[in-house]
Amino acid sequence: MTTQAGTRHRRFWVGFGVAILLIAGVVSYFASSSPDGLDSATLRGCQVVTTDQGEQLTGNCIAQHATEHPMSVSPLADYTVLGHPATGGLAGIIGVAVVLAIAGGAFWVIARTRRSKG
């Protein structure tokens, strides 16, 4: 790889990293907190009422039969860090880092096995 190509390659990856961090860490704060399409469809026919015990559903809808997901207590559940509402951007950055680490590790293993075979 020549020096000029190496510089372009490095600039690309730095720009890619900055774009990812901006999207995950900053733009995610502007995302809608309203339910997505699936959530809103399952809530059709019900009203969410806040009580002393938390939110309750009244009416007749699919969501009344829903249960908590086993992963709802995981550290990054609900796109937050440990359930703190103001940590959405941090959760996004952690998620990106985990995905890049797993994908990078998988590509590294694949490339290494191909080199050893060829």
C-alpha atoms as a PDB file:
ATOM      1  CA  MET A   1       0.000   0.000   0.000  1.00  0.00           C
ATOM      2  CA  THR A   2       1.400   3.367  -0.932  1.00  0.00           C
ATOM      3  CA  THR A   3       1.540   6.289   1.437  1.00  0.00           C
ATOM      4  CA  GLN A   4      -1.174   8.219  -0.407  1.00  0.00           C
ATOM      5  CA  ALA A   5      -3.501   5.204  -0.501  1.00  0.00           C
ATOM      6  CA  GLY A   6      -2.773   4.517   3.169  1.00  0.00           C
ATOM      7  CA  THR A   7      -3.652   8.104   4.078  1.00  0.00           C
ATOM      8  CA  ARG A   8      -6.928   7.910   2.148  1.00  0.00           C
ATOM      9  CA  HIS A   9      -7.696   4.579   3.782  1.00  0.00           C
ATOM     10  CA  ARG A  10      -7.027   6.013   7.237  1.00  0.00           C
ATOM     11  CA  ARG A  11      -9.106   9.148   6.513  1.00  0.00           C
ATOM     12  CA  PHE A  12     -12.006   6.985   5.396  1.00  0.00           C
ATOM     13  CA  TRP A  13     -11.972   4.945   8.622  1.00  0.00           C
ATOM     14  CA  VAL A  14     -11.599   8.028  10.812  1.00  0.00           C
ATOM     15  CA  GLY A  15     -14.527   9.697   9.010  1.00  0.00           C
ATOM     16  CA  PHE A  16     -16.531   6.489   9.266  1.00  0.00           C
ATOM     17  CA  GLY A  17     -15.845   6.335  13.020  1.00  0.00           C
ATOM     18  CA  VAL A  18     -16.803   9.979  13.546  1.00  0.00           C
ATOM     19  CA  ALA A  19     -20.038   9.488  11.584  1.00  0.00           C
ATOM     20  CA  ILE A  20     -20.926   6.409  13.640  1.00  0.00           C
ATOM     21  CA  LEU A  21     -20.251   8.204  16.923  1.00  0.00           C
ATOM     22  CA  LEU A  22     -22.322  11.206  15.842  1.00  0.00           C
ATOM     23  CA  ILE A  23     -25.257   9.070  14.771  1.00  0.00           C
ATOM     24  CA  ALA A  24     -25.169   6.756  17.799  1.00  0.00           C
ATOM     25  CA  GLY A  25     -24.224   9.341  20.397  1.00  0.00           C
ATOM     26  CA  VAL A  26     -25.917  12.543  19.247  1.00  0.00           C
ATOM     27  CA  VAL A  27     -28.608  11.911  16.652  1.00  0.00           C
ATOM     28  CA  SER A  28     -30.133   9.134  18.777  1.00  0.00           C
ATOM     29  CA  TYR A  29     -31.302  11.784  21.265  1.00  0.00           C
ATOM     30  CA  PHE A  30     -33.574  13.206  18.549  1.00  0.00           C
ATOM     31  CA  ALA A  31     -35.262   9.846  17.867  1.00  0.00           C
ATOM     32  CA  SER A  32     -38.944   9.615  18.645  1.00  0.00           C
ATOM     33  CA  SER A  33     -39.864   8.256  22.052  1.00  0.00           C
ATOM     34  CA  SER A  34     -43.301   7.311  20.698  1.00  0.00           C
ATOM     35  CA  PRO A  35     -44.004   3.614  20.253  1.00  0.00           C
ATOM     36  CA  ASP A  36     -42.846   2.113  16.968  1.00  0.00           C
ATOM     37  CA  GLY A  37     -45.234   0.520  14.474  1.00  0.00           C
ATOM     38  CA  LEU A  38     -45.403  -2.848  16.225  1.00  0.00           C
ATOM     39  CA  ASP A  39     -45.916  -1.312  19.659  1.00  0.00           C
ATOM     40  CA  SER A  40     -48.607   1.059  18.443  1.00  0.00           C
ATOM     41  CA  ALA A  41     -50.388  -1.781  16.601  1.00  0.00           C
ATOM     42  CA  THR A  42     -50.460  -3.951  19.744  1.00  0.00           C
ATOM     43  CA  LEU A  43     -51.829  -1.024  21.770  1.00  0.00           C
ATOM     44  CA  ARG A  44     -54.716  -0.413  19.353  1.00  0.00           C
ATOM     45  CA  GLY A  45     -57.949  -0.677  21.331  1.00  0.00           C
ATOM     46  CA  CYS A  46     -56.379   0.133  24.713  1.00  0.00           C
ATOM     47  CA  GLN A  47     -55.527   3.184  26.740  1.00  0.00           C
ATOM     48  CA  VAL A  48     -52.472   3.475  28.957  1.00  0.00           C
ATOM     49  CA  VAL A  49     -53.445   4.718  32.411  1.00  0.00           C
ATOM     50  CA  THR A  50     -50.851   5.694  35.028  1.00  0.00           C
ATOM     51  CA  THR A  51     -51.599   4.344  38.513  1.00  0.00           C
ATOM     52  CA  ASP A  52     -49.659   4.060  41.774  1.00  0.00           C
ATOM     53  CA  GLN A  53     -48.430   0.625  40.638  1.00  0.00           C
ATOM     54  CA  GLY A  54     -47.222   1.980  37.282  1.00  0.00           C
ATOM     55  CA  GLU A  55     -48.817   1.995  33.854  1.00  0.00           C
ATOM     56  CA  GLN A  56     -51.945  -0.131  33.356  1.00  0.00           C
ATOM     57  CA  LEU A  57     -53.798  -0.941  30.147  1.00  0.00           C
ATOM     58  CA  THR A  58     -57.560  -0.504  29.915  1.00  0.00           C
ATOM     59  CA  GLY A  59     -59.692  -1.696  27.012  1.00  0.00           C
ATOM     60  CA  ASN A  60     -59.050  -4.663  24.756  1.00  0.00           C
ATOM     61  CA  CYS A  61     -55.785  -5.025  22.853  1.00  0.00           C
ATOM     62  CA  ILE A  62     -53.022  -7.524  22.094  1.00  0.00           C
ATOM     63  CA  ALA A  63     -50.603  -5.764  24.461  1.00  0.00           C
ATOM     64  CA  GLN A  64     -52.623  -6.877  27.494  1.00  0.00           C
ATOM     65  CA  HIS A  65     -51.294 -10.392  26.938  1.00  0.00           C
ATOM     66  CA  ALA A  66     -47.664  -9.290  26.725  1.00  0.00           C
ATOM     67  CA  THR A  67     -45.121 -10.273  29.355  1.00  0.00           C
ATOM     68  CA  GLU A  68     -41.715  -8.875  30.173  1.00  0.00           C
ATOM     69  CA  HIS A  69     -38.948 -10.093  27.917  1.00  0.00           C
ATOM     70  CA  PRO A  70     -36.206 -12.058  29.747  1.00  0.00           C
ATOM     71  CA  MET A  71     -33.620  -9.568  28.479  1.00  0.00           C
ATOM     72  CA  SER A  72     -35.552  -6.551  29.835  1.00  0.00           C
ATOM     73  CA  VAL A  73     -33.159  -6.426  32.800  1.00  0.00           C
ATOM     74  CA  SER A  74     -30.022  -6.425  30.641  1.00  0.00           C
ATOM     75  CA  PRO A  75     -27.635  -3.457  30.971  1.00  0.00           C
ATOM     76  CA  LEU A  76     -28.679  -1.903  27.623  1.00  0.00           C
ATOM     77  CA  ALA A  77     -32.428  -2.646  27.723  1.00  0.00           C
ATOM     78  CA  ASP A  78     -34.747   0.015  26.274  1.00  0.00           C
ATOM     79  CA  TYR A  79     -31.785   1.721  24.553  1.00  0.00           C
ATOM     80  CA  THR A  80     -30.457   3.056  27.870  1.00  0.00           C
ATOM     81  CA  VAL A  81     -27.589   2.186  30.192  1.00  0.00           C
ATOM     82  CA  LEU A  82     -28.918   0.406  33.295  1.00  0.00           C
ATOM     83  CA  GLY A  83     -32.363   1.985  32.781  1.00  0.00           C
ATOM     84  CA  HIS A  84     -31.253   5.622  33.119  1.00  0.00           C
ATOM     85  CA  PRO A  85     -33.315   7.580  30.557  1.00  0.00           C
ATOM     86  CA  ALA A  86     -30.633  10.164  29.738  1.00  0.00           C
ATOM     87  CA  THR A  87     -28.096   7.550  28.581  1.00  0.00           C
ATOM     88  CA  GLY A  88     -29.524   6.722  25.155  1.00  0.00           C
ATOM     89  CA  GLY A  89     -26.519   8.110  23.287  1.00  0.00           C
ATOM     90  CA  LEU A  90     -24.079   6.226  25.472  1.00  0.00           C
ATOM     91  CA  ALA A  91     -26.048   3.022  24.953  1.00  0.00           C
ATOM     92  CA  GLY A  92     -25.847   3.634  21.206  1.00  0.00           C
ATOM     93  CA  ILE A  93     -22.087   4.124  21.336  1.00  0.00           C
ATOM     94  CA  ILE A  94     -21.643   0.964  23.433  1.00  0.00           C
ATOM     95  CA  GLY A  95     -23.849  -0.954  21.006  1.00  0.00           C
ATOM     96  CA  VAL A  96     -21.822   0.250  18.022  1.00  0.00           C
ATOM     97  CA  ALA A  97     -18.562  -0.673  19.761  1.00  0.00           C
ATOM     98  CA  VAL A  98     -19.831  -4.178  20.566  1.00  0.00           C
ATOM     99  CA  VAL A  99     -21.074  -4.754  17.005  1.00  0.00           C
ATOM    100  CA  LEU A 100     -17.810  -3.469  15.497  1.00  0.00           C
ATOM    101  CA  ALA A 101     -15.770  -5.642  17.870  1.00  0.00           C
ATOM    102  CA  ILE A 102     -17.771  -8.771  17.016  1.00  0.00           C
ATOM    103  CA  ALA A 103     -17.802  -8.053  13.266  1.00  0.00           C
ATOM    104  CA  GLY A 104     -14.115  -7.083  13.267  1.00  0.00           C
ATOM    105  CA  GLY A 105     -13.220 -10.241  15.173  1.00  0.00           C
ATOM    106  CA  ALA A 106     -15.242 -12.394  12.787  1.00  0.00           C
ATOM    107  CA  PHE A 107     -13.617 -10.785   9.731  1.00  0.00           C
ATOM    108  CA  TRP A 108     -10.179 -11.193  11.301  1.00  0.00           C
ATOM    109  CA  VAL A 109     -10.791 -14.907  11.949  1.00  0.00           C
ATOM    110  CA  ILE A 110     -12.129 -15.419   8.406  1.00  0.00           C
ATOM    111  CA  ALA A 111      -9.189 -13.594   6.833  1.00  0.00           C
ATOM    112  CA  ARG A 112      -6.709 -15.505   8.968  1.00  0.00           C
ATOM    113  CA  THR A 113      -8.217 -18.879   8.022  1.00  0.00           C
ATOM    114  CA  ARG A 114      -8.207 -17.971   4.326  1.00  0.00           C
ATOM    115  CA  ARG A 115      -4.554 -16.898   4.510  1.00  0.00           C
ATOM    116  CA  SER A 116      -3.537 -20.142   6.201  1.00  0.00           C
ATOM    117  CA  LYS A 117      -5.376 -22.232   3.573  1.00  0.00           C
ATOM    118  CA  GLY A 118      -4.017 -20.339   0.575  1.00  0.00           C
END
